[in-house]
Amino acid sequence: MKKKIIARFFINDESVETFKALAAKLVAETRLEEGCLFYKLFQDVENKNEFVFIEEYRDEAAMTLHSKSAYLQAFISGINGLQSRELIIEVI
């Protein structure tokens, strides 16, 4: 069964460009995953500090593989301290 993730990030004013650069690398790597069906980052047009990843995976195994990937772990480490508040993750 397909799995979808919606992840919302809230980034400090001075960290938006750094976040976008780190996210671009993550998106490029993730889209190469065999089980990745859709992976896109959106930036809120009214609040430049809010971002949403919309992700879709073939199944739970593909989603788990992504969650353990080195590039996701690097992204998580890289954004440490860039967020103005805790992210919100929803798995559907």
C-alpha atoms as a PDB file:
ATOM      1  CA  MET A   1       0.000   0.000   0.000  1.00  0.00           C
ATOM      2  CA  LYS A   2       1.322   3.461  -0.898  1.00  0.00           C
ATOM      3  CA  LYS A   3       2.508   5.703   1.918  1.00  0.00           C
ATOM      4  CA  LYS A   4       2.416   9.500   1.920  1.00  0.00           C
ATOM      5  CA  ILE A   5       4.193  11.936   4.189  1.00  0.00           C
ATOM      6  CA  ILE A   6       3.506  15.616   4.670  1.00  0.00           C
ATOM      7  CA  ALA A   7       6.300  17.340   6.597  1.00  0.00           C
ATOM      8  CA  ARG A   8       6.026  21.025   7.529  1.00  0.00           C
ATOM      9  CA  PHE A   9       9.125  23.018   8.479  1.00  0.00           C
ATOM     10  CA  PHE A  10       9.285  26.461  10.062  1.00  0.00           C
ATOM     11  CA  ILE A  11      12.634  28.128   9.402  1.00  0.00           C
ATOM     12  CA  ASN A  12      14.302  31.162  11.001  1.00  0.00           C
ATOM     13  CA  ASP A  13      14.442  34.279   8.779  1.00  0.00           C
ATOM     14  CA  GLU A  14      18.221  34.205   8.429  1.00  0.00           C
ATOM     15  CA  SER A  15      18.291  30.473   7.620  1.00  0.00           C
ATOM     16  CA  VAL A  16      15.873  30.226   4.675  1.00  0.00           C
ATOM     17  CA  GLU A  17      18.521  30.071   1.935  1.00  0.00           C
ATOM     18  CA  THR A  18      20.615  27.538   3.861  1.00  0.00           C
ATOM     19  CA  PHE A  19      17.530  25.375   4.354  1.00  0.00           C
ATOM     20  CA  LYS A  20      16.650  25.572   0.653  1.00  0.00           C
ATOM     21  CA  ALA A  21      20.168  24.511  -0.375  1.00  0.00           C
ATOM     22  CA  LEU A  22      20.145  21.538   1.994  1.00  0.00           C
ATOM     23  CA  ALA A  23      16.634  20.585   0.893  1.00  0.00           C
ATOM     24  CA  ALA A  24      17.590  20.708  -2.805  1.00  0.00           C
ATOM     25  CA  LYS A  25      20.270  18.066  -2.194  1.00  0.00           C
ATOM     26  CA  LEU A  26      17.805  15.912  -0.270  1.00  0.00           C
ATOM     27  CA  VAL A  27      15.175  16.150  -3.009  1.00  0.00           C
ATOM     28  CA  ALA A  28      17.668  15.199  -5.733  1.00  0.00           C
ATOM     29  CA  GLU A  29      18.907  12.136  -3.826  1.00  0.00           C
ATOM     30  CA  THR A  30      15.461  10.986  -2.729  1.00  0.00           C
ATOM     31  CA  ARG A  31      14.005  11.109  -6.227  1.00  0.00           C
ATOM     32  CA  LEU A  32      16.577   8.467  -7.225  1.00  0.00           C
ATOM     33  CA  GLU A  33      15.169   5.962  -4.736  1.00  0.00           C
ATOM     34  CA  GLU A  34      13.429   3.064  -6.452  1.00  0.00           C
ATOM     35  CA  GLY A  35      10.427   3.218  -4.124  1.00  0.00           C
ATOM     36  CA  CYS A  36       9.957   6.988  -4.306  1.00  0.00           C
ATOM     37  CA  LEU A  37       6.897   7.907  -6.368  1.00  0.00           C
ATOM     38  CA  PHE A  38       6.754  11.634  -5.578  1.00  0.00           C
ATOM     39  CA  TYR A  39       8.984  13.971  -3.576  1.00  0.00           C
ATOM     40  CA  LYS A  40       8.628  17.728  -3.761  1.00  0.00           C
ATOM     41  CA  LEU A  41       9.335  20.739  -1.581  1.00  0.00           C
ATOM     42  CA  PHE A  42       6.979  23.704  -1.533  1.00  0.00           C
ATOM     43  CA  GLN A  43       7.547  27.138  -0.005  1.00  0.00           C
ATOM     44  CA  ASP A  44       4.553  29.057   1.328  1.00  0.00           C
ATOM     45  CA  VAL A  45       3.882  32.098  -0.877  1.00  0.00           C
ATOM     46  CA  GLU A  46       2.625  34.164   2.060  1.00  0.00           C
ATOM     47  CA  ASN A  47       5.236  33.122   4.628  1.00  0.00           C
ATOM     48  CA  LYS A  48       8.695  32.508   3.153  1.00  0.00           C
ATOM     49  CA  ASN A  49       9.734  30.737   6.358  1.00  0.00           C
ATOM     50  CA  GLU A  50       7.306  27.827   5.974  1.00  0.00           C
ATOM     51  CA  PHE A  51       8.082  24.817   3.810  1.00  0.00           C
ATOM     52  CA  VAL A  52       6.220  21.591   3.092  1.00  0.00           C
ATOM     53  CA  PHE A  53       7.645  18.345   1.782  1.00  0.00           C
ATOM     54  CA  ILE A  54       5.048  16.144   0.103  1.00  0.00           C
ATOM     55  CA  GLU A  55       6.308  12.611  -0.310  1.00  0.00           C
ATOM     56  CA  GLU A  56       4.837   9.407  -1.708  1.00  0.00           C
ATOM     57  CA  TYR A  57       6.409   5.974  -1.511  1.00  0.00           C
ATOM     58  CA  ARG A  58       5.510   2.655  -3.118  1.00  0.00           C
ATOM     59  CA  ASP A  59       5.032   1.015   0.287  1.00  0.00           C
ATOM     60  CA  GLU A  60       6.116   1.118   3.912  1.00  0.00           C
ATOM     61  CA  ALA A  61       9.402  -0.632   3.126  1.00  0.00           C
ATOM     62  CA  ALA A  62      10.338   2.137   0.664  1.00  0.00           C
ATOM     63  CA  MET A  63       9.411   4.777   3.228  1.00  0.00           C
ATOM     64  CA  THR A  64      11.541   3.038   5.867  1.00  0.00           C
ATOM     65  CA  LEU A  65      14.487   2.810   3.460  1.00  0.00           C
ATOM     66  CA  HIS A  66      14.246   6.560   2.891  1.00  0.00           C
ATOM     67  CA  SER A  67      14.064   7.294   6.612  1.00  0.00           C
ATOM     68  CA  LYS A  68      17.352   5.423   7.164  1.00  0.00           C
ATOM     69  CA  SER A  69      19.203   6.983   4.220  1.00  0.00           C
ATOM     70  CA  ALA A  70      22.499   8.769   4.816  1.00  0.00           C
ATOM     71  CA  TYR A  71      21.334  11.845   2.885  1.00  0.00           C
ATOM     72  CA  LEU A  72      18.204  12.232   5.033  1.00  0.00           C
ATOM     73  CA  GLN A  73      20.336  11.918   8.163  1.00  0.00           C
ATOM     74  CA  ALA A  74      22.740  14.546   6.750  1.00  0.00           C
ATOM     75  CA  PHE A  75      19.777  16.857   6.029  1.00  0.00           C
ATOM     76  CA  ILE A  76      18.447  16.435   9.570  1.00  0.00           C
ATOM     77  CA  SER A  77      21.876  17.223  11.022  1.00  0.00           C
ATOM     78  CA  GLY A  78      22.294  20.175   8.667  1.00  0.00           C
ATOM     79  CA  ILE A  79      19.045  21.873   9.655  1.00  0.00           C
ATOM     80  CA  ASN A  80      19.754  21.582  13.354  1.00  0.00           C
ATOM     81  CA  GLY A  81      19.298  25.094  14.723  1.00  0.00           C
ATOM     82  CA  LEU A  82      17.634  26.489  11.582  1.00  0.00           C
ATOM     83  CA  GLN A  83      14.062  25.932  12.732  1.00  0.00           C
ATOM     84  CA  SER A  84      11.952  28.492  14.574  1.00  0.00           C
ATOM     85  CA  ARG A  85       9.680  25.768  15.933  1.00  0.00           C
ATOM     86  CA  GLU A  86       9.250  22.019  15.820  1.00  0.00           C
ATOM     87  CA  LEU A  87       8.339  20.443  12.500  1.00  0.00           C
ATOM     88  CA  ILE A  88       5.014  18.703  11.927  1.00  0.00           C
ATOM     89  CA  ILE A  89       5.009  15.297  10.243  1.00  0.00           C
ATOM     90  CA  GLU A  90       1.877  13.516   9.078  1.00  0.00           C
ATOM     91  CA  VAL A  91       1.952   9.988   7.626  1.00  0.00           C
ATOM     92  CA  ILE A  92      -1.053   8.949   5.568  1.00  0.00           C
END
